[in-house]
């Protein structure tokens, strides 16, 4: 498994509109916004050098992000970009790493993602991401 970079840090927010006011006041700009119907969230990406912050607003009160906000809020996950998601999952499964996803699922912006259970990463929810085909190299997805 080849990890290319930290792609983004996912931050759960109750309202993208309100969160953007705060982040823009801090000097950040919005790169893009995406609906992710399969996850029942709206995601706004804010560039930070090669990486990004991903602000996640639930679009359904039953979504994972809505439930996360009920308990704590704030930093939700760390996402790393990998070169081959299927190979990474197979390697981790062979190492007996606890996975949430044994197969990729749809992510924002046409990417494919899979999550590693927090118990396998010292309490951190880790997302593996493979950029969509044809996306620019590992430095930008």
N, C-alpha and C. Protein backbone atom coordinates (compact mmCIF):
# COMPACT_ATOMS: atom_id res chain seq x y z
N UNK A 1 0.86 -1.18 0.00
CA UNK A 1 0.00 0.00 0.00
C UNK A 1 0.89 1.23 0.00
N UNK A 2 0.63 2.13 -0.93
CA UNK A 2 1.39 3.36 -1.00
C UNK A 2 0.50 4.52 -0.59
N UNK A 3 0.84 5.17 0.53
CA UNK A 3 0.12 6.35 0.99
C UNK A 3 0.80 7.56 0.38
N UNK A 4 0.05 8.38 -0.34
CA UNK A 4 0.62 9.48 -1.10
C UNK A 4 0.69 10.80 -0.31
N UNK A 5 -0.32 11.07 0.50
CA UNK A 5 -0.36 12.32 1.28
C UNK A 5 -1.61 12.33 2.14
N UNK A 6 -1.67 13.30 3.06
CA UNK A 6 -2.94 13.57 3.74
C UNK A 6 -3.79 14.34 2.74
N UNK A 7 -4.94 13.79 2.42
CA UNK A 7 -5.83 14.45 1.47
C UNK A 7 -6.64 15.53 2.17
N UNK A 8 -7.27 15.16 3.29
CA UNK A 8 -8.07 16.15 4.02
C UNK A 8 -8.32 15.71 5.45
N UNK A 9 -8.75 16.67 6.25
CA UNK A 9 -9.25 16.43 7.60
C UNK A 9 -10.73 16.73 7.57
N UNK A 10 -11.55 15.76 7.97
CA UNK A 10 -13.01 15.93 7.95
C UNK A 10 -13.50 16.51 9.26
N UNK A 11 -14.26 17.60 9.18
CA UNK A 11 -14.77 18.30 10.36
C UNK A 11 -16.28 18.36 10.27
N UNK A 12 -16.97 17.81 11.26
CA UNK A 12 -18.43 17.81 11.28
C UNK A 12 -18.92 19.18 11.75
N UNK A 13 -19.87 19.74 11.00
CA UNK A 13 -20.47 21.03 11.36
C UNK A 13 -21.98 20.94 11.22
N UNK A 14 -22.73 21.62 12.09
CA UNK A 14 -24.19 21.58 11.96
C UNK A 14 -24.70 22.35 10.74
N UNK A 15 -23.96 23.40 10.32
CA UNK A 15 -24.39 24.24 9.21
C UNK A 15 -23.18 24.70 8.41
N UNK A 16 -23.16 24.36 7.12
CA UNK A 16 -22.06 24.83 6.26
C UNK A 16 -22.06 26.35 6.16
N UNK A 17 -23.23 26.95 6.06
CA UNK A 17 -23.30 28.41 5.93
C UNK A 17 -22.66 29.09 7.13
N UNK A 18 -23.00 28.64 8.32
CA UNK A 18 -22.43 29.23 9.54
C UNK A 18 -20.95 28.90 9.67
N UNK A 19 -20.59 27.67 9.37
CA UNK A 19 -19.18 27.27 9.48
C UNK A 19 -18.32 28.05 8.49
N UNK A 20 -18.83 28.28 7.27
CA UNK A 20 -18.05 29.02 6.27
C UNK A 20 -17.80 30.45 6.73
N UNK A 21 -18.75 31.06 7.40
CA UNK A 21 -18.53 32.42 7.91
C UNK A 21 -17.32 32.42 8.85
N UNK A 22 -17.27 31.44 9.74
CA UNK A 22 -16.16 31.36 10.70
C UNK A 22 -14.84 31.07 10.00
N UNK A 23 -14.82 30.09 9.10
CA UNK A 23 -13.58 29.70 8.43
C UNK A 23 -13.09 30.80 7.49
N UNK A 24 -14.01 31.50 6.82
CA UNK A 24 -13.60 32.62 5.96
C UNK A 24 -13.02 33.75 6.79
N UNK A 25 -13.58 34.00 7.98
CA UNK A 25 -13.02 35.02 8.87
C UNK A 25 -11.60 34.66 9.30
N UNK A 26 -11.29 33.36 9.30
CA UNK A 26 -9.95 32.88 9.64
C UNK A 26 -9.00 32.93 8.45
N UNK A 27 -9.52 33.30 7.27
CA UNK A 27 -8.68 33.43 6.09
C UNK A 27 -8.77 32.28 5.10
N UNK A 28 -9.65 31.32 5.32
CA UNK A 28 -9.81 30.19 4.41
C UNK A 28 -10.80 30.54 3.31
N UNK A 29 -10.67 29.86 2.16
CA UNK A 29 -11.61 30.03 1.05
C UNK A 29 -12.18 28.68 0.66
N UNK A 30 -13.38 28.71 0.13
CA UNK A 30 -14.03 27.48 -0.32
C UNK A 30 -13.55 27.14 -1.72
N UNK A 31 -13.07 25.92 -1.89
CA UNK A 31 -12.64 25.42 -3.20
C UNK A 31 -13.83 24.85 -3.97
N UNK A 32 -14.66 24.05 -3.28
CA UNK A 32 -15.80 23.40 -3.92
C UNK A 32 -16.75 22.88 -2.86
N UNK A 33 -17.97 22.59 -3.29
CA UNK A 33 -18.98 21.98 -2.42
C UNK A 33 -19.58 20.80 -3.18
N UNK A 34 -19.80 19.70 -2.48
CA UNK A 34 -20.33 18.49 -3.10
C UNK A 34 -21.42 17.87 -2.23
N UNK A 35 -22.46 17.41 -2.87
CA UNK A 35 -23.47 16.57 -2.21
C UNK A 35 -22.96 15.14 -2.29
N UNK A 36 -23.04 14.41 -1.18
CA UNK A 36 -22.69 12.99 -1.17
C UNK A 36 -23.93 12.25 -0.67
N UNK A 37 -24.86 11.95 -1.59
CA UNK A 37 -26.13 11.35 -1.18
C UNK A 37 -25.98 10.03 -0.44
N UNK A 38 -25.01 9.22 -0.81
CA UNK A 38 -24.84 7.92 -0.15
C UNK A 38 -24.47 8.08 1.32
N UNK A 39 -23.83 9.21 1.67
CA UNK A 39 -23.44 9.45 3.06
C UNK A 39 -24.38 10.45 3.75
N UNK A 40 -25.32 10.99 2.96
CA UNK A 40 -26.29 11.97 3.47
C UNK A 40 -25.59 13.18 4.10
N UNK A 41 -24.63 13.74 3.33
CA UNK A 41 -23.91 14.93 3.76
C UNK A 41 -23.69 15.87 2.58
N UNK A 42 -23.40 17.11 2.92
CA UNK A 42 -22.93 18.11 1.98
C UNK A 42 -21.52 18.45 2.48
N UNK A 43 -20.55 18.46 1.58
CA UNK A 43 -19.15 18.67 1.95
C UNK A 43 -18.59 19.89 1.24
N UNK A 44 -17.95 20.77 2.00
CA UNK A 44 -17.25 21.92 1.44
C UNK A 44 -15.76 21.69 1.67
N UNK A 45 -14.96 21.90 0.63
CA UNK A 45 -13.52 21.72 0.73
C UNK A 45 -12.81 23.06 0.75
N UNK A 46 -11.89 23.21 1.71
CA UNK A 46 -11.11 24.43 1.88
C UNK A 46 -9.64 24.06 1.72
N UNK A 47 -8.95 24.57 0.69
CA UNK A 47 -7.55 24.19 0.47
C UNK A 47 -6.62 24.72 1.57
N UNK A 48 -5.65 23.87 1.91
CA UNK A 48 -4.58 24.21 2.85
C UNK A 48 -3.31 23.61 2.26
N UNK A 49 -2.59 24.36 1.46
CA UNK A 49 -1.42 23.81 0.77
C UNK A 49 -1.85 22.67 -0.14
N UNK A 50 -1.18 21.52 -0.01
CA UNK A 50 -1.53 20.34 -0.81
C UNK A 50 -2.78 19.64 -0.29
N UNK A 51 -3.16 19.89 0.93
CA UNK A 51 -4.28 19.20 1.57
C UNK A 51 -5.49 20.12 1.63
N UNK A 52 -6.56 19.62 2.28
CA UNK A 52 -7.77 20.41 2.42
C UNK A 52 -8.44 20.12 3.76
N UNK A 53 -9.27 21.02 4.19
CA UNK A 53 -10.22 20.76 5.25
C UNK A 53 -11.53 20.43 4.55
N UNK A 54 -12.26 19.46 5.09
CA UNK A 54 -13.57 19.09 4.55
C UNK A 54 -14.59 19.36 5.65
N UNK A 55 -15.45 20.33 5.42
CA UNK A 55 -16.52 20.62 6.36
C UNK A 55 -17.72 19.78 5.95
N UNK A 56 -18.26 19.01 6.90
CA UNK A 56 -19.33 18.06 6.61
C UNK A 56 -20.61 18.46 7.33
N UNK A 57 -21.64 18.77 6.56
CA UNK A 57 -22.95 19.11 7.10
C UNK A 57 -23.91 17.95 6.82
N UNK A 58 -24.60 17.45 7.84
CA UNK A 58 -25.56 16.37 7.57
C UNK A 58 -26.75 16.90 6.78
N UNK A 59 -27.25 16.08 5.87
CA UNK A 59 -28.46 16.42 5.12
C UNK A 59 -29.64 15.57 5.57
N UNK A 60 -29.38 14.70 6.54
CA UNK A 60 -30.41 13.81 7.09
C UNK A 60 -30.08 13.60 8.56
N UNK A 61 -31.06 13.72 9.44
CA UNK A 61 -30.78 13.56 10.88
C UNK A 61 -30.33 12.14 11.27
N UNK A 62 -30.47 11.19 10.35
CA UNK A 62 -30.03 9.81 10.64
C UNK A 62 -28.64 9.52 10.09
N UNK A 63 -27.99 10.51 9.50
CA UNK A 63 -26.66 10.27 8.92
C UNK A 63 -25.61 10.09 10.02
N UNK A 64 -24.51 9.49 9.63
CA UNK A 64 -23.39 9.29 10.57
C UNK A 64 -22.92 10.64 11.12
N UNK A 65 -22.84 11.65 10.28
CA UNK A 65 -22.37 12.97 10.72
C UNK A 65 -23.36 13.60 11.69
N UNK A 66 -24.66 13.46 11.46
CA UNK A 66 -25.66 13.99 12.39
C UNK A 66 -25.52 13.32 13.75
N UNK A 67 -25.34 12.00 13.76
CA UNK A 67 -25.16 11.28 15.03
C UNK A 67 -23.86 11.70 15.71
N UNK A 68 -22.81 11.91 14.95
CA UNK A 68 -21.53 12.36 15.49
C UNK A 68 -21.69 13.73 16.17
N UNK A 69 -22.42 14.63 15.51
CA UNK A 69 -22.63 15.96 16.08
C UNK A 69 -23.45 15.91 17.37
N UNK A 70 -24.36 14.96 17.48
CA UNK A 70 -25.14 14.82 18.72
C UNK A 70 -24.25 14.47 19.90
N UNK A 71 -23.18 13.72 19.63
CA UNK A 71 -22.29 13.25 20.70
C UNK A 71 -21.15 14.22 21.00
N UNK A 72 -20.52 14.78 19.94
CA UNK A 72 -19.32 15.58 20.19
C UNK A 72 -19.06 16.68 19.19
N UNK A 73 -19.09 16.42 17.90
CA UNK A 73 -18.76 17.42 16.90
C UNK A 73 -17.26 17.61 16.75
N UNK A 74 -16.88 18.48 15.84
CA UNK A 74 -15.46 18.76 15.62
C UNK A 74 -14.81 17.79 14.65
N UNK A 75 -13.52 17.49 14.89
CA UNK A 75 -12.77 16.63 13.99
C UNK A 75 -13.42 15.25 13.91
N UNK A 76 -13.75 14.83 12.70
CA UNK A 76 -14.42 13.55 12.50
C UNK A 76 -13.47 12.49 11.98
N UNK A 77 -12.60 12.82 11.00
CA UNK A 77 -11.72 11.82 10.44
C UNK A 77 -10.50 12.45 9.76
N UNK A 78 -9.50 11.60 9.54
CA UNK A 78 -8.31 11.95 8.77
C UNK A 78 -8.36 11.10 7.50
N UNK A 79 -8.14 11.73 6.35
CA UNK A 79 -8.19 11.02 5.08
C UNK A 79 -6.82 11.06 4.42
N UNK A 80 -6.34 9.89 4.01
CA UNK A 80 -5.09 9.81 3.26
C UNK A 80 -5.39 9.30 1.85
N UNK A 81 -4.64 9.84 0.89
CA UNK A 81 -4.77 9.43 -0.50
C UNK A 81 -3.88 8.22 -0.73
N UNK A 82 -4.44 7.18 -1.35
CA UNK A 82 -3.66 5.98 -1.69
C UNK A 82 -3.69 5.79 -3.21
N UNK A 83 -2.69 5.08 -3.71
CA UNK A 83 -2.61 4.88 -5.16
C UNK A 83 -3.57 3.83 -5.68
N UNK A 84 -3.88 2.80 -4.87
CA UNK A 84 -4.73 1.69 -5.31
C UNK A 84 -5.58 1.25 -4.12
N UNK A 85 -6.82 1.67 -4.08
CA UNK A 85 -7.68 1.42 -2.93
C UNK A 85 -7.96 -0.07 -2.72
N UNK A 86 -8.25 -0.81 -3.79
CA UNK A 86 -8.52 -2.24 -3.63
C UNK A 86 -7.30 -2.97 -3.07
N UNK A 87 -6.11 -2.65 -3.58
CA UNK A 87 -4.89 -3.28 -3.08
C UNK A 87 -4.65 -2.92 -1.62
N UNK A 88 -4.91 -1.67 -1.27
CA UNK A 88 -4.73 -1.24 0.13
C UNK A 88 -5.66 -2.01 1.05
N UNK A 89 -6.93 -2.14 0.66
CA UNK A 89 -7.89 -2.88 1.48
C UNK A 89 -7.50 -4.35 1.60
N UNK A 90 -7.06 -4.95 0.51
CA UNK A 90 -6.64 -6.36 0.55
C UNK A 90 -5.44 -6.54 1.48
N UNK A 91 -4.49 -5.62 1.41
CA UNK A 91 -3.30 -5.70 2.26
C UNK A 91 -3.68 -5.54 3.73
N UNK A 92 -4.54 -4.58 4.03
CA UNK A 92 -4.95 -4.36 5.42
C UNK A 92 -5.76 -5.55 5.94
N UNK A 93 -6.62 -6.09 5.11
CA UNK A 93 -7.41 -7.26 5.51
C UNK A 93 -6.49 -8.45 5.80
N UNK A 94 -5.46 -8.65 4.97
CA UNK A 94 -4.50 -9.73 5.19
C UNK A 94 -3.73 -9.53 6.49
N UNK A 95 -3.53 -8.29 6.88
CA UNK A 95 -2.84 -7.97 8.15
C UNK A 95 -3.79 -8.05 9.34
N UNK A 96 -5.07 -8.38 9.07
CA UNK A 96 -6.10 -8.49 10.11
C UNK A 96 -6.44 -7.14 10.74
N UNK A 97 -6.29 -6.05 9.96
CA UNK A 97 -6.66 -4.73 10.42
C UNK A 97 -8.18 -4.63 10.38
N UNK A 98 -8.77 -4.09 11.43
CA UNK A 98 -10.23 -3.98 11.49
C UNK A 98 -10.70 -2.88 10.54
N UNK A 99 -11.55 -3.26 9.59
CA UNK A 99 -12.06 -2.35 8.57
C UNK A 99 -13.54 -2.06 8.81
N UNK A 100 -13.97 -0.88 8.47
CA UNK A 100 -15.40 -0.59 8.40
C UNK A 100 -15.90 -1.01 7.03
N UNK A 101 -15.10 -0.70 6.00
CA UNK A 101 -15.45 -1.04 4.62
C UNK A 101 -14.46 -2.05 4.05
N UNK A 102 -14.97 -3.17 3.59
CA UNK A 102 -14.10 -4.15 2.92
C UNK A 102 -14.06 -3.92 1.42
N UNK A 103 -14.94 -3.03 0.93
CA UNK A 103 -14.96 -2.66 -0.48
C UNK A 103 -15.14 -1.14 -0.56
N UNK A 104 -14.62 -0.53 -1.61
CA UNK A 104 -14.76 0.93 -1.75
C UNK A 104 -16.22 1.35 -1.87
N UNK A 105 -16.47 2.58 -1.45
CA UNK A 105 -17.78 3.21 -1.63
C UNK A 105 -17.58 4.56 -2.31
N UNK A 106 -18.65 5.15 -2.79
CA UNK A 106 -18.56 6.45 -3.47
C UNK A 106 -18.24 7.54 -2.47
N UNK A 107 -17.32 8.42 -2.86
CA UNK A 107 -16.96 9.58 -2.06
C UNK A 107 -17.28 10.86 -2.81
N UNK A 108 -16.89 11.98 -2.26
CA UNK A 108 -17.14 13.27 -2.89
C UNK A 108 -16.29 13.42 -4.15
N UNK A 109 -16.77 14.18 -5.09
CA UNK A 109 -16.01 14.57 -6.28
C UNK A 109 -15.59 13.38 -7.15
N UNK A 110 -16.40 12.30 -7.15
CA UNK A 110 -16.11 11.15 -7.99
C UNK A 110 -15.04 10.21 -7.47
N UNK A 111 -14.58 10.45 -6.25
CA UNK A 111 -13.55 9.58 -5.68
C UNK A 111 -14.18 8.31 -5.11
N UNK A 112 -13.32 7.36 -4.77
CA UNK A 112 -13.75 6.14 -4.07
C UNK A 112 -13.04 6.13 -2.73
N UNK A 113 -13.76 5.71 -1.69
CA UNK A 113 -13.22 5.76 -0.34
C UNK A 113 -13.54 4.48 0.43
N UNK A 114 -12.81 4.29 1.52
CA UNK A 114 -13.10 3.20 2.46
C UNK A 114 -12.58 3.65 3.82
N UNK A 115 -13.25 3.20 4.87
CA UNK A 115 -12.87 3.62 6.22
C UNK A 115 -12.28 2.46 7.02
N UNK A 116 -11.28 2.81 7.82
CA UNK A 116 -10.62 1.89 8.75
C UNK A 116 -11.22 2.17 10.12
N UNK A 117 -11.52 1.13 10.87
CA UNK A 117 -12.14 1.29 12.18
C UNK A 117 -11.22 2.07 13.12
N UNK A 118 -11.77 2.99 13.92
CA UNK A 118 -10.93 3.75 14.86
C UNK A 118 -10.10 2.89 15.81
N UNK A 119 -10.58 1.72 16.17
CA UNK A 119 -9.82 0.85 17.07
C UNK A 119 -8.51 0.39 16.44
N UNK A 120 -8.43 0.41 15.11
CA UNK A 120 -7.22 -0.02 14.42
C UNK A 120 -6.22 1.12 14.26
N UNK A 121 -6.65 2.36 14.57
CA UNK A 121 -5.79 3.53 14.35
C UNK A 121 -5.73 4.42 15.59
N UNK A 122 -5.62 3.80 16.74
CA UNK A 122 -5.45 4.56 17.97
C UNK A 122 -6.58 5.51 18.30
N UNK A 123 -7.80 5.16 17.90
CA UNK A 123 -8.96 5.99 18.21
C UNK A 123 -9.31 6.99 17.13
N UNK A 124 -8.59 6.99 16.01
CA UNK A 124 -8.85 7.93 14.91
C UNK A 124 -9.56 7.20 13.78
N UNK A 125 -10.65 7.78 13.28
CA UNK A 125 -11.31 7.24 12.10
C UNK A 125 -10.45 7.62 10.90
N UNK A 126 -9.95 6.62 10.19
CA UNK A 126 -9.07 6.85 9.05
C UNK A 126 -9.80 6.51 7.77
N UNK A 127 -9.80 7.45 6.83
CA UNK A 127 -10.40 7.25 5.52
C UNK A 127 -9.29 7.07 4.50
N UNK A 128 -9.42 6.06 3.66
CA UNK A 128 -8.53 5.87 2.52
C UNK A 128 -9.28 6.35 1.30
N UNK A 129 -8.59 7.10 0.44
CA UNK A 129 -9.24 7.68 -0.74
C UNK A 129 -8.40 7.41 -1.98
N UNK A 130 -9.07 7.03 -3.06
CA UNK A 130 -8.43 6.94 -4.37
C UNK A 130 -9.09 7.98 -5.24
N UNK A 131 -8.27 8.83 -5.86
CA UNK A 131 -8.79 9.89 -6.73
C UNK A 131 -9.50 9.28 -7.93
N UNK A 132 -10.45 10.00 -8.49
CA UNK A 132 -11.12 9.50 -9.70
C UNK A 132 -10.13 9.39 -10.85
N UNK A 133 -10.40 8.47 -11.75
CA UNK A 133 -9.55 8.30 -12.94
C UNK A 133 -9.47 9.62 -13.69
N UNK A 134 -8.27 9.95 -14.12
CA UNK A 134 -8.07 11.18 -14.87
C UNK A 134 -7.83 12.41 -14.03
N UNK A 135 -7.92 12.27 -12.68
CA UNK A 135 -7.65 13.42 -11.82
C UNK A 135 -6.16 13.73 -11.88
N UNK A 136 -5.81 14.99 -11.67
CA UNK A 136 -4.38 15.33 -11.64
C UNK A 136 -3.64 14.50 -10.59
N UNK A 137 -2.34 14.40 -10.70
CA UNK A 137 -1.48 13.57 -9.85
C UNK A 137 -1.77 13.63 -8.37
N UNK A 138 -0.96 12.97 -7.56
CA UNK A 138 -1.22 12.85 -6.13
C UNK A 138 -1.24 14.17 -5.40
N UNK A 139 -0.71 15.21 -5.97
CA UNK A 139 -0.68 16.48 -5.27
C UNK A 139 -2.03 17.19 -5.31
N UNK A 140 -2.95 16.81 -6.18
CA UNK A 140 -4.24 17.47 -6.27
C UNK A 140 -5.30 16.46 -6.66
N UNK A 141 -6.34 16.37 -5.88
CA UNK A 141 -7.45 15.49 -6.22
C UNK A 141 -8.76 16.22 -6.10
